[in-house]
Amino acid sequence: MDTKFTAEIDEMGRVKIAPELLSSLHLSPGATLLLEATGGRIMLEPIPEEPELIEKDGLLVVRPRITGNITNSVQRDREERISQLMREFE
């Protein structure tokens, strides 16, 4: 991605990243970034999160962290399943 955005540093030292950029990188509040200062530039790199493992009924299960709005994806999958079921009953 070669898109450029501008950002301001607020009085608390925070930088707000454009929502479009966060969405395209699948980042959400709480994500951890590695900051590297080199040659007068600041590089930000997302640090991948370890998946959360929980025990359920004696099995280890991965609990995914959902980022962004998944409503459209869920609706599209639902429509595809309904369409497939309708074809099976024709």
PDB file of N, CA and C in Angstrom:
ATOM      1  N   MET A   1       0.840  -1.165   0.000  1.00  0.00           N
ATOM      2  CA  MET A   1       0.000   0.000   0.000  1.00  0.00           C
ATOM      3  C   MET A   1       0.888   1.232   0.000  1.00  0.00           C
ATOM      4  N   ASP A   2       0.697   2.095  -0.971  1.00  0.00           N
ATOM      5  CA  ASP A   2       1.501   3.305  -1.080  1.00  0.00           C
ATOM      6  C   ASP A   2       0.685   4.550  -0.782  1.00  0.00           C
ATOM      7  N   THR A   3      -0.360   4.428   0.002  1.00  0.00           N
ATOM      8  CA  THR A   3      -1.207   5.555   0.346  1.00  0.00           C
ATOM      9  C   THR A   3      -0.555   6.341   1.471  1.00  0.00           C
ATOM     10  N   LYS A   4      -0.647   7.675   1.395  1.00  0.00           N
ATOM     11  CA  LYS A   4      -0.073   8.518   2.436  1.00  0.00           C
ATOM     12  C   LYS A   4      -1.184   9.289   3.127  1.00  0.00           C
ATOM     13  N   PHE A   5      -1.048   9.447   4.435  1.00  0.00           N
ATOM     14  CA  PHE A   5      -1.986  10.198   5.242  1.00  0.00           C
ATOM     15  C   PHE A   5      -1.199  11.174   6.100  1.00  0.00           C
ATOM     16  N   THR A   6      -1.845  12.223   6.535  1.00  0.00           N
ATOM     17  CA  THR A   6      -1.219  13.118   7.508  1.00  0.00           C
ATOM     18  C   THR A   6      -1.869  12.875   8.865  1.00  0.00           C
ATOM     19  N   ALA A   7      -1.134  13.191   9.910  1.00  0.00           N
ATOM     20  CA  ALA A   7      -1.643  13.033  11.274  1.00  0.00           C
ATOM     21  C   ALA A   7      -1.001  14.091  12.149  1.00  0.00           C
ATOM     22  N   GLU A   8      -1.700  14.471  13.197  1.00  0.00           N
ATOM     23  CA  GLU A   8      -1.160  15.425  14.150  1.00  0.00           C
ATOM     24  C   GLU A   8      -0.924  14.732  15.486  1.00  0.00           C
ATOM     25  N   ILE A   9       0.053  15.231  16.197  1.00  0.00           N
ATOM     26  CA  ILE A   9       0.321  14.736  17.544  1.00  0.00           C
ATOM     27  C   ILE A   9      -0.456  15.632  18.499  1.00  0.00           C
ATOM     28  N   ASP A  10      -1.288  15.031  19.355  1.00  0.00           N
ATOM     29  CA  ASP A  10      -2.065  15.845  20.295  1.00  0.00           C
ATOM     30  C   ASP A  10      -1.221  16.188  21.514  1.00  0.00           C
ATOM     31  N   GLU A  11      -1.802  16.958  22.428  1.00  0.00           N
ATOM     32  CA  GLU A  11      -1.056  17.424  23.605  1.00  0.00           C
ATOM     33  C   GLU A  11      -0.630  16.292  24.531  1.00  0.00           C
ATOM     34  N   MET A  12      -1.239  15.111  24.372  1.00  0.00           N
ATOM     35  CA  MET A  12      -0.864  13.946  25.180  1.00  0.00           C
ATOM     36  C   MET A  12       0.194  13.085  24.471  1.00  0.00           C
ATOM     37  N   GLY A  13       0.631  13.498  23.283  1.00  0.00           N
ATOM     38  CA  GLY A  13       1.638  12.748  22.546  1.00  0.00           C
ATOM     39  C   GLY A  13       1.066  11.623  21.698  1.00  0.00           C
ATOM     40  N   ARG A  14      -0.252  11.615  21.531  1.00  0.00           N
ATOM     41  CA  ARG A  14      -0.910  10.553  20.758  1.00  0.00           C
ATOM     42  C   ARG A  14      -1.041  10.953  19.299  1.00  0.00           C
ATOM     43  N   VAL A  15      -0.974   9.963  18.434  1.00  0.00           N
ATOM     44  CA  VAL A  15      -1.165  10.171  17.006  1.00  0.00           C
ATOM     45  C   VAL A  15      -2.407   9.398  16.595  1.00  0.00           C
ATOM     46  N   LYS A  16      -3.340  10.087  15.942  1.00  0.00           N
ATOM     47  CA  LYS A  16      -4.549   9.424  15.464  1.00  0.00           C
ATOM     48  C   LYS A  16      -4.298   8.943  14.037  1.00  0.00           C
ATOM     49  N   ILE A  17      -4.496   7.648  13.826  1.00  0.00           N
ATOM     50  CA  ILE A  17      -4.299   7.047  12.509  1.00  0.00           C
ATOM     51  C   ILE A  17      -5.640   7.031  11.788  1.00  0.00           C
ATOM     52  N   ALA A  18      -5.638   7.397  10.525  1.00  0.00           N
ATOM     53  CA  ALA A  18      -6.866   7.482   9.733  1.00  0.00           C
ATOM     54  C   ALA A  18      -7.626   6.156   9.770  1.00  0.00           C
ATOM     55  N   PRO A  19      -8.948   6.201   9.974  1.00  0.00           N
ATOM     56  CA  PRO A  19      -9.748   4.976  10.038  1.00  0.00           C
ATOM     57  C   PRO A  19      -9.608   4.095   8.799  1.00  0.00           C
ATOM     58  N   GLU A  20      -9.465   4.720   7.626  1.00  0.00           N
ATOM     59  CA  GLU A  20      -9.303   3.939   6.391  1.00  0.00           C
ATOM     60  C   GLU A  20      -8.034   3.096   6.429  1.00  0.00           C
ATOM     61  N   LEU A  21      -6.984   3.655   6.982  1.00  0.00           N
ATOM     62  CA  LEU A  21      -5.712   2.941   7.076  1.00  0.00           C
ATOM     63  C   LEU A  21      -5.812   1.814   8.101  1.00  0.00           C
ATOM     64  N   LEU A  22      -6.424   2.107   9.240  1.00  0.00           N
ATOM     65  CA  LEU A  22      -6.603   1.061  10.255  1.00  0.00           C
ATOM     66  C   LEU A  22      -7.398  -0.104   9.696  1.00  0.00           C
ATOM     67  N   SER A  23      -8.474   0.215   8.987  1.00  0.00           N
ATOM     68  CA  SER A  23      -9.328  -0.823   8.415  1.00  0.00           C
ATOM     69  C   SER A  23      -8.568  -1.656   7.392  1.00  0.00           C
ATOM     70  N   SER A  24      -7.825  -0.995   6.510  1.00  0.00           N
ATOM     71  CA  SER A  24      -7.109  -1.734   5.464  1.00  0.00           C
ATOM     72  C   SER A  24      -6.015  -2.632   6.035  1.00  0.00           C
ATOM     73  N   LEU A  25      -5.492  -2.274   7.213  1.00  0.00           N
ATOM     74  CA  LEU A  25      -4.452  -3.081   7.855  1.00  0.00           C
ATOM     75  C   LEU A  25      -5.023  -4.030   8.907  1.00  0.00           C
ATOM     76  N   HIS A  26      -6.355  -4.026   9.037  1.00  0.00           N
ATOM     77  CA  HIS A  26      -7.048  -4.891  10.004  1.00  0.00           C
ATOM     78  C   HIS A  26      -6.574  -4.636  11.432  1.00  0.00           C
ATOM     79  N   LEU A  27      -6.422  -3.351  11.768  1.00  0.00           N
ATOM     80  CA  LEU A  27      -6.006  -2.963  13.110  1.00  0.00           C
ATOM     81  C   LEU A  27      -7.202  -2.392  13.864  1.00  0.00           C
ATOM     82  N   SER A  28      -7.243  -2.627  15.158  1.00  0.00           N
ATOM     83  CA  SER A  28      -8.321  -2.108  15.987  1.00  0.00           C
ATOM     84  C   SER A  28      -7.722  -1.598  17.293  1.00  0.00           C
ATOM     85  N   PRO A  29      -8.532  -0.870  18.084  1.00  0.00           N
ATOM     86  CA  PRO A  29      -8.003  -0.383  19.360  1.00  0.00           C
ATOM     87  C   PRO A  29      -7.410  -1.522  20.186  1.00  0.00           C
ATOM     88  N   GLY A  30      -6.268  -1.257  20.761  1.00  0.00           N
ATOM     89  CA  GLY A  30      -5.587  -2.271  21.556  1.00  0.00           C
ATOM     90  C   GLY A  30      -4.492  -2.999  20.795  1.00  0.00           C
ATOM     91  N   ALA A  31      -4.435  -2.809  19.468  1.00  0.00           N
ATOM     92  CA  ALA A  31      -3.382  -3.447  18.673  1.00  0.00           C
ATOM     93  C   ALA A  31      -2.025  -2.898  19.110  1.00  0.00           C
ATOM     94  N   THR A  32      -1.007  -3.734  19.045  1.00  0.00           N
ATOM     95  CA  THR A  32       0.342  -3.333  19.436  1.00  0.00           C
ATOM     96  C   THR A  32       1.170  -3.063  18.192  1.00  0.00           C
ATOM     97  N   LEU A  33       1.897  -1.934  18.211  1.00  0.00           N
ATOM     98  CA  LEU A  33       2.746  -1.552  17.086  1.00  0.00           C
ATOM     99  C   LEU A  33       4.195  -1.446  17.537  1.00  0.00           C
ATOM    100  N   LEU A  34       5.105  -1.845  16.668  1.00  0.00           N
ATOM    101  CA  LEU A  34       6.534  -1.658  16.902  1.00  0.00           C
ATOM    102  C   LEU A  34       6.912  -0.331  16.257  1.00  0.00           C
ATOM    103  N   LEU A  35       7.535   0.568  17.009  1.00  0.00           N
ATOM    104  CA  LEU A  35       7.989   1.854  16.476  1.00  0.00           C
ATOM    105  C   LEU A  35       9.493   1.806  16.305  1.00  0.00           C
ATOM    106  N   GLU A  36       9.965   2.258  15.141  1.00  0.00           N
ATOM    107  CA  GLU A  36      11.405   2.280  14.869  1.00  0.00           C
ATOM    108  C   GLU A  36      11.763   3.643  14.288  1.00  0.00           C
ATOM    109  N   ALA A  37      12.722   4.307  14.894  1.00  0.00           N
ATOM    110  CA  ALA A  37      13.186   5.604  14.409  1.00  0.00           C
ATOM    111  C   ALA A  37      14.503   5.384  13.671  1.00  0.00           C
ATOM    112  N   THR A  38      14.509   5.731  12.384  1.00  0.00           N
ATOM    113  CA  THR A  38      15.703   5.551  11.562  1.00  0.00           C
ATOM    114  C   THR A  38      15.822   6.728  10.601  1.00  0.00           C
ATOM    115  N   GLY A  39      16.959   7.387  10.610  1.00  0.00           N
ATOM    116  CA  GLY A  39      17.209   8.460   9.656  1.00  0.00           C
ATOM    117  C   GLY A  39      16.171   9.562   9.687  1.00  0.00           C
ATOM    118  N   GLY A  40      15.695   9.914  10.868  1.00  0.00           N
ATOM    119  CA  GLY A  40      14.707  10.981  10.980  1.00  0.00           C
ATOM    120  C   GLY A  40      13.292  10.569  10.626  1.00  0.00           C
ATOM    121  N   ARG A  41      13.078   9.278  10.398  1.00  0.00           N
ATOM    122  CA  ARG A  41      11.744   8.768  10.064  1.00  0.00           C
ATOM    123  C   ARG A  41      11.262   7.838  11.164  1.00  0.00           C
ATOM    124  N   ILE A  42       9.964   7.784  11.331  1.00  0.00           N
ATOM    125  CA  ILE A  42       9.367   6.853  12.286  1.00  0.00           C
ATOM    126  C   ILE A  42       8.616   5.794  11.492  1.00  0.00           C
ATOM    127  N   MET A  43       8.963   4.549  11.730  1.00  0.00           N
ATOM    128  CA  MET A  43       8.289   3.428  11.072  1.00  0.00           C
ATOM    129  C   MET A  43       7.402   2.740  12.098  1.00  0.00           C
ATOM    130  N   LEU A  44       6.174   2.445  11.720  1.00  0.00           N
ATOM    131  CA  LEU A  44       5.245   1.706  12.569  1.00  0.00           C
ATOM    132  C   LEU A  44       4.985   0.358  11.921  1.00  0.00           C
ATOM    133  N   GLU A  45       5.060  -0.688  12.715  1.00  0.00           N
ATOM    134  CA  GLU A  45       4.814  -2.035  12.189  1.00  0.00           C
ATOM    135  C   GLU A  45       3.920  -2.793  13.162  1.00  0.00           C
ATOM    136  N   PRO A  46       2.783  -3.293  12.664  1.00  0.00           N
ATOM    137  CA  PRO A  46       1.912  -4.065  13.554  1.00  0.00           C
ATOM    138  C   PRO A  46       2.621  -5.328  14.041  1.00  0.00           C
ATOM    139  N   ILE A  47       2.445  -5.636  15.317  1.00  0.00           N
ATOM    140  CA  ILE A  47       2.976  -6.869  15.886  1.00  0.00           C
ATOM    141  C   ILE A  47       1.822  -7.866  15.922  1.00  0.00           C
ATOM    142  N   PRO A  48       1.955  -8.978  15.208  1.00  0.00           N
ATOM    143  CA  PRO A  48       0.859  -9.956  15.184  1.00  0.00           C
ATOM    144  C   PRO A  48       0.536 -10.454  16.593  1.00  0.00           C
ATOM    145  N   GLU A  49      -0.745 -10.599  16.845  1.00  0.00           N
ATOM    146  CA  GLU A  49      -1.175 -11.097  18.148  1.00  0.00           C
ATOM    147  C   GLU A  49      -1.204 -12.613  18.144  1.00  0.00           C
ATOM    148  N   GLU A  50      -0.864 -13.167  19.280  1.00  0.00           N
ATOM    149  CA  GLU A  50      -1.013 -14.607  19.441  1.00  0.00           C
ATOM    150  C   GLU A  50      -2.494 -14.904  19.590  1.00  0.00           C
ATOM    151  N   PRO A  51      -2.982 -15.945  18.947  1.00  0.00           N
ATOM    152  CA  PRO A  51      -4.405 -16.257  19.094  1.00  0.00           C
ATOM    153  C   PRO A  51      -4.731 -16.644  20.532  1.00  0.00           C
ATOM    154  N   GLU A  52      -5.920 -16.295  20.956  1.00  0.00           N
ATOM    155  CA  GLU A  52      -6.355 -16.634  22.306  1.00  0.00           C
ATOM    156  C   GLU A  52      -6.846 -18.070  22.311  1.00  0.00           C
ATOM    157  N   LEU A  53      -6.268 -18.885  23.170  1.00  0.00           N
ATOM    158  CA  LEU A  53      -6.693 -20.271  23.305  1.00  0.00           C
ATOM    159  C   LEU A  53      -7.503 -20.417  24.585  1.00  0.00           C
ATOM    160  N   ILE A  54      -8.661 -21.057  24.460  1.00  0.00           N
ATOM    161  CA  ILE A  54      -9.480 -21.332  25.634  1.00  0.00           C
ATOM    162  C   ILE A  54      -9.779 -22.827  25.666  1.00  0.00           C
ATOM    163  N   GLU A  55     -10.070 -23.320  26.832  1.00  0.00           N
ATOM    164  CA  GLU A  55     -10.439 -24.729  26.947  1.00  0.00           C
ATOM    165  C   GLU A  55     -11.954 -24.815  27.001  1.00  0.00           C
ATOM    166  N   LYS A  56     -12.503 -25.651  26.124  1.00  0.00           N
ATOM    167  CA  LYS A  56     -13.953 -25.832  26.067  1.00  0.00           C
ATOM    168  C   LYS A  56     -14.235 -27.321  25.963  1.00  0.00           C
ATOM    169  N   ASP A  57     -14.903 -27.848  26.953  1.00  0.00           N
ATOM    170  CA  ASP A  57     -15.234 -29.273  26.993  1.00  0.00           C
ATOM    171  C   ASP A  57     -14.001 -30.157  26.830  1.00  0.00           C
ATOM    172  N   GLY A  58     -12.899 -29.738  27.443  1.00  0.00           N
ATOM    173  CA  GLY A  58     -11.682 -30.540  27.409  1.00  0.00           C
ATOM    174  C   GLY A  58     -10.843 -30.360  26.156  1.00  0.00           C
ATOM    175  N   LEU A  59     -11.255 -29.463  25.248  1.00  0.00           N
ATOM    176  CA  LEU A  59     -10.503 -29.219  24.017  1.00  0.00           C
ATOM    177  C   LEU A  59      -9.994 -27.787  23.993  1.00  0.00           C
ATOM    178  N   LEU A  60      -8.816 -27.582  23.387  1.00  0.00           N
ATOM    179  CA  LEU A  60      -8.319 -26.223  23.194  1.00  0.00           C
ATOM    180  C   LEU A  60      -8.967 -25.650  21.939  1.00  0.00           C
ATOM    181  N   VAL A  61      -9.530 -24.475  22.080  1.00  0.00           N
ATOM    182  CA  VAL A  61     -10.229 -23.829  20.973  1.00  0.00           C
ATOM    183  C   VAL A  61      -9.620 -22.448  20.776  1.00  0.00           C
ATOM    184  N   VAL A  62      -9.418 -22.054  19.519  1.00  0.00           N
ATOM    185  CA  VAL A  62      -8.901 -20.727  19.205  1.00  0.00           C
ATOM    186  C   VAL A  62     -10.077 -19.764  19.169  1.00  0.00           C
ATOM    187  N   ARG A  63      -9.979 -18.704  19.941  1.00  0.00           N
ATOM    188  CA  ARG A  63     -11.006 -17.660  19.916  1.00  0.00           C
ATOM    189  C   ARG A  63     -10.458 -16.522  19.062  1.00  0.00           C
ATOM    190  N   PRO A  64     -11.008 -16.330  17.872  1.00  0.00           N
ATOM    191  CA  PRO A  64     -10.476 -15.289  16.988  1.00  0.00           C
ATOM    192  C   PRO A  64     -10.828 -13.899  17.493  1.00  0.00           C
ATOM    193  N   ARG A  65     -10.015 -12.945  17.136  1.00  0.00           N
ATOM    194  CA  ARG A  65     -10.308 -11.553  17.445  1.00  0.00           C
ATOM    195  C   ARG A  65     -10.833 -10.924  16.173  1.00  0.00           C
ATOM    196  N   ILE A  66     -12.068 -10.517  16.201  1.00  0.00           N
ATOM    197  CA  ILE A  66     -12.701  -9.950  15.017  1.00  0.00           C
ATOM    198  C   ILE A  66     -12.399  -8.461  14.975  1.00  0.00           C
ATOM    199  N   THR A  67     -11.920  -8.014  13.823  1.00  0.00           N
ATOM    200  CA  THR A  67     -11.631  -6.596  13.662  1.00  0.00           C
ATOM    201  C   THR A  67     -12.478  -6.040  12.545  1.00  0.00           C
ATOM    202  N   GLY A  68     -12.846  -4.810  12.689  1.00  0.00           N
ATOM    203  CA  GLY A  68     -13.628  -4.157  11.658  1.00  0.00           C
ATOM    204  C   GLY A  68     -15.083  -4.599  11.676  1.00  0.00           C
ATOM    205  N   ASN A  69     -15.803  -4.149  10.665  1.00  0.00           N
ATOM    206  CA  ASN A  69     -17.222  -4.450  10.538  1.00  0.00           C
ATOM    207  C   ASN A  69     -17.383  -5.696   9.685  1.00  0.00           C
ATOM    208  N   ILE A  70     -17.932  -6.762  10.265  1.00  0.00           N
ATOM    209  CA  ILE A  70     -18.076  -8.011   9.521  1.00  0.00           C
ATOM    210  C   ILE A  70     -19.500  -8.245   9.041  1.00  0.00           C
ATOM    211  N   THR A  71     -20.366  -7.251   9.219  1.00  0.00           N
ATOM    212  CA  THR A  71     -21.773  -7.405   8.858  1.00  0.00           C
ATOM    213  C   THR A  71     -21.935  -7.804   7.396  1.00  0.00           C
ATOM    214  N   ASN A  72     -21.222  -7.141   6.489  1.00  0.00           N
ATOM    215  CA  ASN A  72     -21.352  -7.447   5.055  1.00  0.00           C
ATOM    216  C   ASN A  72     -20.889  -8.868   4.746  1.00  0.00           C
ATOM    217  N   SER A  73     -19.811  -9.302   5.370  1.00  0.00           N
ATOM    218  CA  SER A  73     -19.308 -10.659   5.144  1.00  0.00           C
ATOM    219  C   SER A  73     -20.302 -11.701   5.635  1.00  0.00           C
ATOM    220  N   VAL A  74     -20.870 -11.466   6.804  1.00  0.00           N
ATOM    221  CA  VAL A  74     -21.848 -12.407   7.358  1.00  0.00           C
ATOM    222  C   VAL A  74     -23.071 -12.473   6.454  1.00  0.00           C
ATOM    223  N   GLN A  75     -23.557 -11.317   6.003  1.00  0.00           N
ATOM    224  CA  GLN A  75     -24.730 -11.277   5.131  1.00  0.00           C
ATOM    225  C   GLN A  75     -24.452 -11.999   3.807  1.00  0.00           C
ATOM    226  N   ARG A  76     -23.280 -11.772   3.227  1.00  0.00           N
ATOM    227  CA  ARG A  76     -22.920 -12.417   1.958  1.00  0.00           C
ATOM    228  C   ARG A  76     -22.858 -13.932   2.134  1.00  0.00           C
ATOM    229  N   ASP A  77     -22.227 -14.408   3.215  1.00  0.00           N
ATOM    230  CA  ASP A  77     -22.149 -15.851   3.470  1.00  0.00           C
ATOM    231  C   ASP A  77     -23.539 -16.452   3.674  1.00  0.00           C
ATOM    232  N   ARG A  78     -24.385 -15.743   4.399  1.00  0.00           N
ATOM    233  CA  ARG A  78     -25.744 -16.216   4.649  1.00  0.00           C
ATOM    234  C   ARG A  78     -26.521 -16.352   3.326  1.00  0.00           C
ATOM    235  N   GLU A  79     -26.396 -15.347   2.464  1.00  0.00           N
ATOM    236  CA  GLU A  79     -27.090 -15.384   1.169  1.00  0.00           C
ATOM    237  C   GLU A  79     -26.572 -16.528   0.299  1.00  0.00           C
ATOM    238  N   GLU A  80     -25.267 -16.777   0.334  1.00  0.00           N
ATOM    239  CA  GLU A  80     -24.699 -17.883  -0.443  1.00  0.00           C
ATOM    240  C   GLU A  80     -25.207 -19.231   0.057  1.00  0.00           C
ATOM    241  N   ARG A  81     -25.288 -19.401   1.386  1.00  0.00           N
ATOM    242  CA  ARG A  81     -25.807 -20.657   1.944  1.00  0.00           C
ATOM    243  C   ARG A  81     -27.274 -20.868   1.583  1.00  0.00           C
ATOM    244  N   ILE A  82     -28.070 -19.813   1.682  1.00  0.00           N
ATOM    245  CA  ILE A  82     -29.493 -19.916   1.323  1.00  0.00           C
ATOM    246  C   ILE A  82     -29.643 -20.259  -0.147  1.00  0.00           C
ATOM    247  N   SER A  83     -28.859 -19.611  -1.000  1.00  0.00           N
ATOM    248  CA  SER A  83     -28.911 -19.880  -2.432  1.00  0.00           C
ATOM    249  C   SER A  83     -28.540 -21.330  -2.727  1.00  0.00           C
ATOM    250  N   GLN A  84     -27.510 -21.837  -2.047  1.00  0.00           N
ATOM    251  CA  GLN A  84     -27.085 -23.226  -2.248  1.00  0.00           C
ATOM    252  C   GLN A  84     -28.178 -24.189  -1.793  1.00  0.00           C
ATOM    253  N   LEU A  85     -28.807 -23.923  -0.658  1.00  0.00           N
ATOM    254  CA  LEU A  85     -29.890 -24.777  -0.182  1.00  0.00           C
ATOM    255  C   LEU A  85     -31.084 -24.758  -1.146  1.00  0.00           C
ATOM    256  N   MET A  86     -31.373 -23.601  -1.676  1.00  0.00           N
ATOM    257  CA  MET A  86     -32.491 -23.496  -2.625  1.00  0.00           C
ATOM    258  C   MET A  86     -32.214 -24.333  -3.870  1.00  0.00           C
ATOM    259  N   ARG A  87     -30.976 -24.322  -4.358  1.00  0.00           N
ATOM    260  CA  ARG A  87     -30.620 -25.129  -5.551  1.00  0.00           C
ATOM    261  C   ARG A  87     -30.759 -26.625  -5.260  1.00  0.00           C
ATOM    262  N   GLU A  88     -30.424 -27.029  -4.019  1.00  0.00           N
ATOM    263  CA  GLU A  88     -30.521 -28.454  -3.650  1.00  0.00           C
ATOM    264  C   GLU A  88     -31.968 -28.937  -3.628  1.00  0.00           C
ATOM    265  N   PHE A  89     -32.897 -28.058  -3.344  1.00  0.00           N
ATOM    266  CA  PHE A  89     -34.300 -28.441  -3.245  1.00  0.00           C
ATOM    267  C   PHE A  89     -35.075 -28.222  -4.541  1.00  0.00           C
ATOM    268  N   GLU A  90     -34.437 -27.746  -5.592  1.00  0.00           N
ATOM    269  CA  GLU A  90     -35.129 -27.521  -6.876  1.00  0.00           C
ATOM    270  C   GLU A  90     -35.311 -28.812  -7.619  1.00  0.00           C
TER     271      GLU A  90
END
